[in-house]
């Protein structure tokens, strides 16, 4: 089975857009998510660990 990393990143971006946290297991997927988050200007806290990267949605600053 082939896993499409771009599709995986898109699914995680949708979770973030809906206010849910997302976990990226690989640097490649994390990089795609970060790049898209910058384009969309979605504020998130990024917690990098040795096992992957957590993206946690933040409330927009008022």
PDB file of N, CA and C in Angstrom:
ATOM      1  N   UNK A   1       0.833  -1.181   0.000  1.00  0.00           N
ATOM      2  CA  UNK A   1       0.000   0.000   0.000  1.00  0.00           C
ATOM      3  C   UNK A   1       0.879   1.246   0.000  1.00  0.00           C
ATOM      4  N   UNK A   2       0.614   2.152  -0.899  1.00  0.00           N
ATOM      5  CA  UNK A   2       1.373   3.395  -1.004  1.00  0.00           C
ATOM      6  C   UNK A   2       0.618   4.495  -0.256  1.00  0.00           C
ATOM      7  N   UNK A   3       1.345   5.204   0.590  1.00  0.00           N
ATOM      8  CA  UNK A   3       0.738   6.291   1.356  1.00  0.00           C
ATOM      9  C   UNK A   3       1.137   7.617   0.704  1.00  0.00           C
ATOM     10  N   UNK A   4       0.133   8.407   0.320  1.00  0.00           N
ATOM     11  CA  UNK A   4       0.381   9.700  -0.288  1.00  0.00           C
ATOM     12  C   UNK A   4       0.542  10.736   0.821  1.00  0.00           C
ATOM     13  N   UNK A   5       1.753  11.245   0.980  1.00  0.00           N
ATOM     14  CA  UNK A   5       2.038  12.180   2.069  1.00  0.00           C
ATOM     15  C   UNK A   5       1.279  13.497   1.923  1.00  0.00           C
ATOM     16  N   UNK A   6       1.084  13.955   0.690  1.00  0.00           N
ATOM     17  CA  UNK A   6       0.331  15.202   0.480  1.00  0.00           C
ATOM     18  C   UNK A   6      -1.127  15.025   0.894  1.00  0.00           C
ATOM     19  N   UNK A   7      -1.703  13.878   0.588  1.00  0.00           N
ATOM     20  CA  UNK A   7      -3.079  13.595   1.006  1.00  0.00           C
ATOM     21  C   UNK A   7      -3.171  13.531   2.521  1.00  0.00           C
ATOM     22  N   UNK A   8      -2.181  12.906   3.137  1.00  0.00           N
ATOM     23  CA  UNK A   8      -2.151  12.800   4.589  1.00  0.00           C
ATOM     24  C   UNK A   8      -2.078  14.204   5.209  1.00  0.00           C
ATOM     25  N   UNK A   9      -1.227  15.061   4.654  1.00  0.00           N
ATOM     26  CA  UNK A   9      -1.086  16.429   5.157  1.00  0.00           C
ATOM     27  C   UNK A   9      -2.391  17.204   4.977  1.00  0.00           C
ATOM     28  N   UNK A  10      -3.066  17.029   3.838  1.00  0.00           N
ATOM     29  CA  UNK A  10      -4.352  17.721   3.605  1.00  0.00           C
ATOM     30  C   UNK A  10      -5.394  17.309   4.636  1.00  0.00           C
ATOM     31  N   UNK A  11      -5.443  16.034   4.964  1.00  0.00           N
ATOM     32  CA  UNK A  11      -6.409  15.548   5.959  1.00  0.00           C
ATOM     33  C   UNK A  11      -6.106  16.156   7.331  1.00  0.00           C
ATOM     34  N   UNK A  12      -4.834  16.258   7.670  1.00  0.00           N
ATOM     35  CA  UNK A  12      -4.466  16.848   8.954  1.00  0.00           C
ATOM     36  C   UNK A  12      -4.751  18.346   8.971  1.00  0.00           C
ATOM     37  N   UNK A  13      -4.580  19.020   7.840  1.00  0.00           N
ATOM     38  CA  UNK A  13      -4.920  20.437   7.740  1.00  0.00           C
ATOM     39  C   UNK A  13      -6.415  20.661   7.959  1.00  0.00           C
ATOM     40  N   UNK A  14      -7.232  19.771   7.437  1.00  0.00           N
ATOM     41  CA  UNK A  14      -8.678  19.882   7.636  1.00  0.00           C
ATOM     42  C   UNK A  14      -9.018  19.767   9.116  1.00  0.00           C
ATOM     43  N   UNK A  15      -8.351  18.861   9.825  1.00  0.00           N
ATOM     44  CA  UNK A  15      -8.570  18.738  11.266  1.00  0.00           C
ATOM     45  C   UNK A  15      -8.221  20.048  11.966  1.00  0.00           C
ATOM     46  N   UNK A  16      -7.085  20.640  11.584  1.00  0.00           N
ATOM     47  CA  UNK A  16      -6.664  21.900  12.195  1.00  0.00           C
ATOM     48  C   UNK A  16      -7.647  23.030  11.890  1.00  0.00           C
ATOM     49  N   UNK A  17      -8.144  23.086  10.665  1.00  0.00           N
ATOM     50  CA  UNK A  17      -9.128  24.106  10.290  1.00  0.00           C
ATOM     51  C   UNK A  17     -10.394  23.982  11.129  1.00  0.00           C
ATOM     52  N   UNK A  18     -10.721  22.766  11.546  1.00  0.00           N
ATOM     53  CA  UNK A  18     -11.915  22.515  12.351  1.00  0.00           C
ATOM     54  C   UNK A  18     -11.647  22.618  13.848  1.00  0.00           C
ATOM     55  N   UNK A  19     -10.441  23.054  14.225  1.00  0.00           N
ATOM     56  CA  UNK A  19     -10.131  23.286  15.629  1.00  0.00           C
ATOM     57  C   UNK A  19      -9.555  22.110  16.382  1.00  0.00           C
ATOM     58  N   UNK A  20      -9.193  21.044  15.678  1.00  0.00           N
ATOM     59  CA  UNK A  20      -8.631  19.856  16.325  1.00  0.00           C
ATOM     60  C   UNK A  20      -7.119  19.811  16.155  1.00  0.00           C
ATOM     61  N   UNK A  21      -6.432  19.205  17.102  1.00  0.00           N
ATOM     62  CA  UNK A  21      -4.985  19.016  17.007  1.00  0.00           C
ATOM     63  C   UNK A  21      -4.682  17.937  15.973  1.00  0.00           C
ATOM     64  N   UNK A  22      -3.450  17.986  15.451  1.00  0.00           N
ATOM     65  CA  UNK A  22      -3.021  16.983  14.474  1.00  0.00           C
ATOM     66  C   UNK A  22      -1.579  16.586  14.773  1.00  0.00           C
ATOM     67  N   UNK A  23      -1.248  15.343  14.462  1.00  0.00           N
ATOM     68  CA  UNK A  23       0.097  14.827  14.671  1.00  0.00           C
ATOM     69  C   UNK A  23       0.690  14.377  13.351  1.00  0.00           C
ATOM     70  N   UNK A  24       1.882  14.851  13.040  1.00  0.00           N
ATOM     71  CA  UNK A  24       2.590  14.441  11.828  1.00  0.00           C
ATOM     72  C   UNK A  24       3.746  13.533  12.237  1.00  0.00           C
ATOM     73  N   UNK A  25       3.747  12.327  11.699  1.00  0.00           N
ATOM     74  CA  UNK A  25       4.749  11.335  12.068  1.00  0.00           C
ATOM     75  C   UNK A  25       6.093  11.561  11.382  1.00  0.00           C
ATOM     76  N   UNK A  26       6.074  12.206  10.215  1.00  0.00           N
ATOM     77  CA  UNK A  26       7.316  12.387   9.464  1.00  0.00           C
ATOM     78  C   UNK A  26       7.604  13.866   9.244  1.00  0.00           C
ATOM     79  N   UNK A  27       8.885  14.176   9.044  1.00  0.00           N
ATOM     80  CA  UNK A  27       9.291  15.560   8.786  1.00  0.00           C
ATOM     81  C   UNK A  27       8.675  16.068   7.488  1.00  0.00           C
ATOM     82  N   UNK A  28       8.579  15.209   6.500  1.00  0.00           N
ATOM     83  CA  UNK A  28       8.023  15.613   5.208  1.00  0.00           C
ATOM     84  C   UNK A  28       6.573  16.088   5.358  1.00  0.00           C
ATOM     85  N   UNK A  29       5.757  15.333   6.076  1.00  0.00           N
ATOM     86  CA  UNK A  29       4.353  15.712   6.287  1.00  0.00           C
ATOM     87  C   UNK A  29       4.283  16.984   7.128  1.00  0.00           C
ATOM     88  N   UNK A  30       5.117  17.083   8.161  1.00  0.00           N
ATOM     89  CA  UNK A  30       5.140  18.280   9.018  1.00  0.00           C
ATOM     90  C   UNK A  30       5.506  19.515   8.203  1.00  0.00           C
ATOM     91  N   UNK A  31       6.472  19.386   7.309  1.00  0.00           N
ATOM     92  CA  UNK A  31       6.878  20.520   6.469  1.00  0.00           C
ATOM     93  C   UNK A  31       5.746  20.976   5.555  1.00  0.00           C
ATOM     94  N   UNK A  32       5.019  20.035   4.983  1.00  0.00           N
ATOM     95  CA  UNK A  32       3.886  20.370   4.111  1.00  0.00           C
ATOM     96  C   UNK A  32       2.815  21.104   4.921  1.00  0.00           C
ATOM     97  N   UNK A  33       2.522  20.598   6.115  1.00  0.00           N
ATOM     98  CA  UNK A  33       1.509  21.232   6.967  1.00  0.00           C
ATOM     99  C   UNK A  33       1.940  22.647   7.335  1.00  0.00           C
ATOM    100  N   UNK A  34       3.188  22.813   7.767  1.00  0.00           N
ATOM    101  CA  UNK A  34       3.681  24.145   8.150  1.00  0.00           C
ATOM    102  C   UNK A  34       3.585  25.131   6.992  1.00  0.00           C
ATOM    103  N   UNK A  35       3.968  24.690   5.818  1.00  0.00           N
ATOM    104  CA  UNK A  35       3.923  25.553   4.629  1.00  0.00           C
ATOM    105  C   UNK A  35       2.489  26.011   4.352  1.00  0.00           C
ATOM    106  N   UNK A  36       1.538  25.100   4.424  1.00  0.00           N
ATOM    107  CA  UNK A  36       0.135  25.437   4.169  1.00  0.00           C
ATOM    108  C   UNK A  36      -0.438  26.324   5.270  1.00  0.00           C
ATOM    109  N   UNK A  37      -0.057  26.071   6.512  1.00  0.00           N
ATOM    110  CA  UNK A  37      -0.535  26.895   7.622  1.00  0.00           C
ATOM    111  C   UNK A  37      -0.097  28.343   7.457  1.00  0.00           C
ATOM    112  N   UNK A  38       1.124  28.546   6.971  1.00  0.00           N
ATOM    113  CA  UNK A  38       1.610  29.914   6.736  1.00  0.00           C
ATOM    114  C   UNK A  38       0.793  30.590   5.637  1.00  0.00           C
ATOM    115  N   UNK A  39       0.493  29.856   4.580  1.00  0.00           N
ATOM    116  CA  UNK A  39      -0.317  30.403   3.487  1.00  0.00           C
ATOM    117  C   UNK A  39      -1.708  30.790   3.971  1.00  0.00           C
ATOM    118  N   UNK A  40      -2.302  29.927   4.821  1.00  0.00           N
ATOM    119  CA  UNK A  40      -3.663  30.134   5.298  1.00  0.00           C
ATOM    120  C   UNK A  40      -3.731  31.047   6.523  1.00  0.00           C
ATOM    121  N   UNK A  41      -2.568  31.394   7.081  1.00  0.00           N
ATOM    122  CA  UNK A  41      -2.478  32.254   8.264  1.00  0.00           C
ATOM    123  C   UNK A  41      -3.304  31.699   9.427  1.00  0.00           C
ATOM    124  N   UNK A  42      -3.136  30.399   9.693  1.00  0.00           N
ATOM    125  CA  UNK A  42      -3.821  29.738  10.797  1.00  0.00           C
ATOM    126  C   UNK A  42      -2.833  29.662  11.963  1.00  0.00           C
ATOM    127  N   UNK A  43      -3.180  30.276  13.113  1.00  0.00           N
ATOM    128  CA  UNK A  43      -2.255  30.254  14.249  1.00  0.00           C
ATOM    129  C   UNK A  43      -2.266  28.893  14.959  1.00  0.00           C
ATOM    130  N   UNK A  44      -1.095  28.295  15.089  1.00  0.00           N
ATOM    131  CA  UNK A  44      -0.961  27.016  15.783  1.00  0.00           C
ATOM    132  C   UNK A  44       0.288  27.034  16.653  1.00  0.00           C
ATOM    133  N   UNK A  45       0.266  26.210  17.691  1.00  0.00           N
ATOM    134  CA  UNK A  45       1.456  25.946  18.489  1.00  0.00           C
ATOM    135  C   UNK A  45       2.041  24.651  17.922  1.00  0.00           C
ATOM    136  N   UNK A  46       3.335  24.651  17.657  1.00  0.00           N
ATOM    137  CA  UNK A  46       3.986  23.460  17.113  1.00  0.00           C
ATOM    138  C   UNK A  46       4.896  22.869  18.181  1.00  0.00           C
ATOM    139  N   UNK A  47       4.650  21.621  18.514  1.00  0.00           N
ATOM    140  CA  UNK A  47       5.428  20.905  19.521  1.00  0.00           C
ATOM    141  C   UNK A  47       6.172  19.771  18.822  1.00  0.00           C
ATOM    142  N   UNK A  48       7.474  19.978  18.630  1.00  0.00           N
ATOM    143  CA  UNK A  48       8.287  18.966  17.959  1.00  0.00           C
ATOM    144  C   UNK A  48       8.851  17.991  18.996  1.00  0.00           C
ATOM    145  N   UNK A  49       8.691  16.706  18.726  1.00  0.00           N
ATOM    146  CA  UNK A  49       9.231  15.670  19.606  1.00  0.00           C
ATOM    147  C   UNK A  49      10.121  14.750  18.774  1.00  0.00           C
ATOM    148  N   UNK A  50      10.756  13.812  19.425  1.00  0.00           N
ATOM    149  CA  UNK A  50      11.605  12.867  18.684  1.00  0.00           C
ATOM    150  C   UNK A  50      10.777  11.878  17.867  1.00  0.00           C
ATOM    151  N   UNK A  51       9.472  11.805  18.144  1.00  0.00           N
ATOM    152  CA  UNK A  51       8.603  10.860  17.442  1.00  0.00           C
ATOM    153  C   UNK A  51       7.746  11.509  16.366  1.00  0.00           C
ATOM    154  N   UNK A  52       7.740  12.837  16.306  1.00  0.00           N
ATOM    155  CA  UNK A  52       6.912  13.529  15.329  1.00  0.00           C
ATOM    156  C   UNK A  52       6.630  14.952  15.771  1.00  0.00           C
ATOM    157  N   UNK A  53       5.576  15.511  15.223  1.00  0.00           N
ATOM    158  CA  UNK A  53       5.286  16.918  15.434  1.00  0.00           C
ATOM    159  C   UNK A  53       3.797  17.122  15.701  1.00  0.00           C
ATOM    160  N   UNK A  54       3.457  17.753  16.836  1.00  0.00           N
ATOM    161  CA  UNK A  54       2.072  18.074  17.154  1.00  0.00           C
ATOM    162  C   UNK A  54       1.772  19.489  16.691  1.00  0.00           C
ATOM    163  N   UNK A  55       0.621  19.660  16.080  1.00  0.00           N
ATOM    164  CA  UNK A  55       0.116  20.971  15.694  1.00  0.00           C
ATOM    165  C   UNK A  55      -1.146  21.209  16.524  1.00  0.00           C
ATOM    166  N   UNK A  56      -1.111  22.255  17.357  1.00  0.00           N
ATOM    167  CA  UNK A  56      -2.223  22.528  18.264  1.00  0.00           C
ATOM    168  C   UNK A  56      -2.794  23.898  17.911  1.00  0.00           C
ATOM    169  N   UNK A  57      -4.073  23.949  17.506  1.00  0.00           N
ATOM    170  CA  UNK A  57      -4.674  25.230  17.115  1.00  0.00           C
ATOM    171  C   UNK A  57      -4.656  26.242  18.261  1.00  0.00           C
ATOM    172  N   UNK A  58      -4.428  27.487  17.905  1.00  0.00           N
ATOM    173  CA  UNK A  58      -4.415  28.590  18.875  1.00  0.00           C
ATOM    174  C   UNK A  58      -5.569  29.530  18.563  1.00  0.00           C
ATOM    175  N   UNK A  59      -6.038  30.206  19.580  1.00  0.00           N
ATOM    176  CA  UNK A  59      -7.057  31.227  19.366  1.00  0.00           C
ATOM    177  C   UNK A  59      -6.382  32.425  18.702  1.00  0.00           C
ATOM    178  N   UNK A  60      -7.036  33.006  17.705  1.00  0.00           N
ATOM    179  CA  UNK A  60      -6.467  34.205  17.080  1.00  0.00           C
ATOM    180  C   UNK A  60      -6.304  35.322  18.119  1.00  0.00           C
ATOM    181  N   UNK A  61      -5.226  36.091  18.013  1.00  0.00           N
ATOM    182  CA  UNK A  61      -5.003  37.201  18.937  1.00  0.00           C
ATOM    183  C   UNK A  61      -5.973  38.332  18.619  1.00  0.00           C
ATOM    184  N   UNK A  62      -6.583  38.855  19.667  1.00  0.00           N
ATOM    185  CA  UNK A  62      -7.587  39.922  19.472  1.00  0.00           C
ATOM    186  C   UNK A  62      -6.925  41.275  19.451  1.00  0.00           C
TER     187      UNK A  62
END
